[in-house]
């Protein structure tokens, strides 16, 4: 099961382990950074991996690629400015 929650400047995706074996994973998405965290009961704190939004998008693209080395170039869209 997953949940997706939107706040003002944050999107939180929570992935629940249906077996109950592992702690849930939260993906906190912002405009410029992404934090992936999982609670560690033994240390009583979260383990956190932080990456740029571009790194996160490359990780998501990698799920659909076969084994190999890739140079994924992200195209940045221009924002429309109306006057």
N, C-alpha and C. Protein backbone atom coordinates (compact mmCIF):
# COMPACT_ATOMS: atom_id res chain seq x y z
N UNK A 1 0.84 -1.18 0.00
CA UNK A 1 0.00 0.00 0.00
C UNK A 1 0.89 1.24 0.00
N UNK A 2 0.44 2.25 -0.67
CA UNK A 2 1.13 3.54 -0.66
C UNK A 2 0.13 4.64 -0.35
N UNK A 3 0.64 5.72 0.20
CA UNK A 3 -0.18 6.92 0.36
C UNK A 3 0.57 8.08 -0.27
N UNK A 4 -0.18 9.05 -0.78
CA UNK A 4 0.40 10.27 -1.35
C UNK A 4 -0.32 11.45 -0.73
N UNK A 5 0.46 12.34 -0.12
CA UNK A 5 -0.11 13.51 0.53
C UNK A 5 0.57 14.76 0.00
N UNK A 6 -0.23 15.78 -0.27
CA UNK A 6 0.29 17.05 -0.75
C UNK A 6 0.13 18.10 0.35
N UNK A 7 1.21 18.84 0.59
CA UNK A 7 1.18 19.98 1.49
C UNK A 7 1.59 21.19 0.67
N UNK A 8 1.74 22.33 1.28
CA UNK A 8 2.04 23.55 0.52
C UNK A 8 3.29 23.40 -0.35
N UNK A 9 4.40 22.98 0.24
CA UNK A 9 5.64 22.89 -0.53
C UNK A 9 6.25 21.48 -0.51
N UNK A 10 5.46 20.50 -0.11
CA UNK A 10 5.97 19.14 0.04
C UNK A 10 4.98 18.11 -0.48
N UNK A 11 5.52 17.09 -1.14
CA UNK A 11 4.74 15.91 -1.46
C UNK A 11 5.35 14.76 -0.68
N UNK A 12 4.52 14.02 0.05
CA UNK A 12 5.00 12.91 0.85
C UNK A 12 4.39 11.61 0.32
N UNK A 13 5.25 10.72 -0.15
CA UNK A 13 4.83 9.40 -0.59
C UNK A 13 5.28 8.42 0.48
N UNK A 14 4.35 7.65 1.03
CA UNK A 14 4.70 6.66 2.04
C UNK A 14 4.43 5.28 1.47
N UNK A 15 5.44 4.42 1.56
CA UNK A 15 5.33 3.04 1.08
C UNK A 15 5.30 2.14 2.30
N UNK A 16 4.20 1.42 2.48
CA UNK A 16 4.04 0.55 3.65
C UNK A 16 4.44 -0.87 3.30
N UNK A 17 5.13 -1.52 4.22
CA UNK A 17 5.50 -2.92 4.05
C UNK A 17 4.32 -3.77 4.51
N UNK A 18 3.62 -4.38 3.57
CA UNK A 18 2.42 -5.16 3.90
C UNK A 18 2.72 -6.40 4.74
N UNK A 19 3.99 -6.84 4.78
CA UNK A 19 4.34 -8.00 5.59
C UNK A 19 4.58 -7.62 7.04
N UNK A 20 4.83 -6.34 7.30
CA UNK A 20 5.13 -5.89 8.65
C UNK A 20 6.57 -6.17 9.06
N UNK A 21 7.36 -6.71 8.16
CA UNK A 21 8.76 -7.05 8.45
C UNK A 21 9.64 -5.81 8.54
N UNK A 22 9.40 -4.86 7.66
CA UNK A 22 10.24 -3.67 7.58
C UNK A 22 9.44 -2.42 7.92
N UNK A 23 10.16 -1.38 8.34
CA UNK A 23 9.53 -0.10 8.61
C UNK A 23 9.09 0.55 7.29
N UNK A 24 8.08 1.39 7.37
CA UNK A 24 7.61 2.12 6.20
C UNK A 24 8.72 3.02 5.67
N UNK A 25 8.60 3.37 4.40
CA UNK A 25 9.54 4.31 3.76
C UNK A 25 8.75 5.55 3.38
N UNK A 26 9.32 6.71 3.67
CA UNK A 26 8.72 7.98 3.27
C UNK A 26 9.63 8.65 2.25
N UNK A 27 9.03 9.16 1.19
CA UNK A 27 9.75 9.93 0.19
C UNK A 27 9.19 11.35 0.27
N UNK A 28 10.03 12.29 0.67
CA UNK A 28 9.61 13.68 0.84
C UNK A 28 10.14 14.48 -0.35
N UNK A 29 9.25 14.93 -1.20
CA UNK A 29 9.64 15.62 -2.43
C UNK A 29 9.43 17.12 -2.30
N UNK A 30 10.45 17.88 -2.67
CA UNK A 30 10.40 19.33 -2.72
C UNK A 30 10.84 19.75 -4.12
N UNK A 31 10.81 21.04 -4.42
CA UNK A 31 11.19 21.51 -5.74
C UNK A 31 12.63 21.16 -6.08
N UNK A 32 13.54 21.26 -5.10
CA UNK A 32 14.96 21.09 -5.40
C UNK A 32 15.60 19.86 -4.77
N UNK A 33 14.97 19.27 -3.75
CA UNK A 33 15.55 18.10 -3.09
C UNK A 33 14.51 17.03 -2.84
N UNK A 34 15.02 15.82 -2.61
CA UNK A 34 14.19 14.67 -2.27
C UNK A 34 14.87 13.97 -1.11
N UNK A 35 14.11 13.63 -0.07
CA UNK A 35 14.62 12.88 1.06
C UNK A 35 13.88 11.55 1.12
N UNK A 36 14.62 10.47 1.18
CA UNK A 36 14.03 9.14 1.38
C UNK A 36 14.43 8.71 2.78
N UNK A 37 13.44 8.38 3.61
CA UNK A 37 13.77 8.05 4.99
C UNK A 37 13.04 6.80 5.46
N UNK A 38 13.68 6.11 6.39
CA UNK A 38 13.11 4.92 7.01
C UNK A 38 13.53 4.93 8.48
N UNK A 39 12.57 4.68 9.36
CA UNK A 39 12.86 4.70 10.80
C UNK A 39 13.64 3.47 11.21
N UNK A 40 14.67 3.67 12.04
CA UNK A 40 15.50 2.58 12.56
C UNK A 40 15.22 2.47 14.06
N UNK A 41 14.47 1.44 14.44
CA UNK A 41 14.09 1.26 15.85
C UNK A 41 15.30 1.08 16.75
N UNK A 42 16.33 0.38 16.29
CA UNK A 42 17.51 0.12 17.12
C UNK A 42 18.23 1.40 17.50
N UNK A 43 18.31 2.34 16.56
CA UNK A 43 18.99 3.60 16.83
C UNK A 43 18.02 4.71 17.23
N UNK A 44 16.72 4.44 17.15
CA UNK A 44 15.67 5.40 17.52
C UNK A 44 15.79 6.71 16.73
N UNK A 45 16.01 6.57 15.43
CA UNK A 45 16.06 7.73 14.55
C UNK A 45 15.87 7.28 13.11
N UNK A 46 15.68 8.24 12.22
CA UNK A 46 15.49 7.95 10.80
C UNK A 46 16.84 7.81 10.10
N UNK A 47 16.94 6.86 9.17
CA UNK A 47 18.01 6.82 8.20
C UNK A 47 17.52 7.63 7.00
N UNK A 48 18.33 8.56 6.54
CA UNK A 48 17.88 9.48 5.49
C UNK A 48 18.89 9.50 4.34
N UNK A 49 18.37 9.44 3.13
CA UNK A 49 19.16 9.64 1.91
C UNK A 49 18.60 10.89 1.25
N UNK A 50 19.48 11.85 0.97
CA UNK A 50 19.05 13.10 0.33
C UNK A 50 19.66 13.18 -1.06
N UNK A 51 18.86 13.58 -2.02
CA UNK A 51 19.34 13.72 -3.38
C UNK A 51 18.64 14.91 -4.04
N UNK A 52 19.21 15.35 -5.14
CA UNK A 52 18.56 16.43 -5.89
C UNK A 52 17.34 15.85 -6.60
N UNK A 53 16.46 16.73 -7.03
CA UNK A 53 15.29 16.29 -7.79
C UNK A 53 15.71 15.56 -9.06
N UNK A 54 16.78 16.01 -9.69
CA UNK A 54 17.27 15.36 -10.92
C UNK A 54 17.77 13.95 -10.63
N UNK A 55 18.48 13.77 -9.52
CA UNK A 55 18.96 12.44 -9.14
C UNK A 55 17.77 11.50 -8.89
N UNK A 56 16.74 12.01 -8.25
CA UNK A 56 15.55 11.19 -7.97
C UNK A 56 14.88 10.77 -9.27
N UNK A 57 14.74 11.69 -10.21
CA UNK A 57 14.13 11.36 -11.50
C UNK A 57 14.96 10.31 -12.25
N UNK A 58 16.28 10.41 -12.17
CA UNK A 58 17.14 9.40 -12.80
C UNK A 58 16.97 8.04 -12.14
N UNK A 59 16.83 8.02 -10.83
CA UNK A 59 16.58 6.77 -10.12
C UNK A 59 15.28 6.13 -10.59
N UNK A 60 14.24 6.93 -10.76
CA UNK A 60 12.95 6.41 -11.22
C UNK A 60 13.07 5.87 -12.65
N UNK A 61 13.82 6.57 -13.51
CA UNK A 61 14.03 6.09 -14.89
C UNK A 61 14.80 4.78 -14.91
N UNK A 62 15.74 4.61 -13.98
CA UNK A 62 16.59 3.42 -13.96
C UNK A 62 15.80 2.13 -13.74
N UNK A 63 14.65 2.21 -13.12
CA UNK A 63 13.84 1.01 -12.88
C UNK A 63 13.46 0.31 -14.18
N UNK A 64 13.39 1.06 -15.27
CA UNK A 64 12.94 0.49 -16.55
C UNK A 64 14.09 0.21 -17.53
N UNK A 65 15.33 0.32 -17.06
CA UNK A 65 16.47 0.12 -17.95
C UNK A 65 17.16 -1.21 -17.66
N UNK A 66 17.73 -1.83 -18.69
CA UNK A 66 18.51 -3.05 -18.46
C UNK A 66 19.88 -2.69 -17.88
N UNK A 67 20.62 -3.71 -17.50
CA UNK A 67 21.96 -3.51 -16.94
C UNK A 67 22.81 -2.74 -17.93
N UNK A 68 23.65 -1.82 -17.43
CA UNK A 68 24.53 -1.05 -18.29
C UNK A 68 24.90 0.26 -17.64
N UNK A 69 25.65 1.08 -18.34
CA UNK A 69 26.03 2.41 -17.89
C UNK A 69 25.29 3.42 -18.76
N UNK A 70 24.73 4.43 -18.14
CA UNK A 70 23.90 5.39 -18.87
C UNK A 70 24.27 6.81 -18.47
N UNK A 71 24.18 7.72 -19.41
CA UNK A 71 24.31 9.15 -19.14
C UNK A 71 22.95 9.75 -19.46
N UNK A 72 22.12 9.86 -18.46
CA UNK A 72 20.76 10.37 -18.65
C UNK A 72 20.80 11.89 -18.53
N UNK A 73 20.47 12.56 -19.62
CA UNK A 73 20.47 14.02 -19.63
C UNK A 73 19.04 14.49 -19.48
N UNK A 74 18.81 15.30 -18.46
CA UNK A 74 17.47 15.80 -18.19
C UNK A 74 17.27 17.11 -18.94
N UNK A 75 16.16 17.22 -19.64
CA UNK A 75 15.83 18.45 -20.34
C UNK A 75 15.03 19.34 -19.39
N UNK A 76 15.47 20.57 -19.26
CA UNK A 76 14.76 21.51 -18.40
C UNK A 76 13.77 22.29 -19.23
N UNK A 77 12.55 22.34 -18.76
CA UNK A 77 11.50 23.08 -19.47
C UNK A 77 11.54 24.54 -19.08
N UNK A 78 11.29 25.38 -20.06
CA UNK A 78 11.19 26.80 -19.79
C UNK A 78 9.80 27.09 -19.26
N UNK A 79 9.74 27.92 -18.24
CA UNK A 79 8.45 28.31 -17.68
C UNK A 79 7.84 29.41 -18.55
N UNK A 80 6.55 29.30 -18.79
CA UNK A 80 5.85 30.35 -19.53
C UNK A 80 5.64 31.54 -18.64
N UNK A 81 6.04 32.68 -19.11
CA UNK A 81 5.84 33.92 -18.35
C UNK A 81 4.88 34.78 -19.15
N UNK A 82 3.74 35.08 -18.54
CA UNK A 82 2.78 35.94 -19.23
C UNK A 82 2.78 37.33 -18.60
N UNK A 83 2.59 38.29 -19.47
CA UNK A 83 2.55 39.66 -18.96
C UNK A 83 1.20 40.27 -19.11
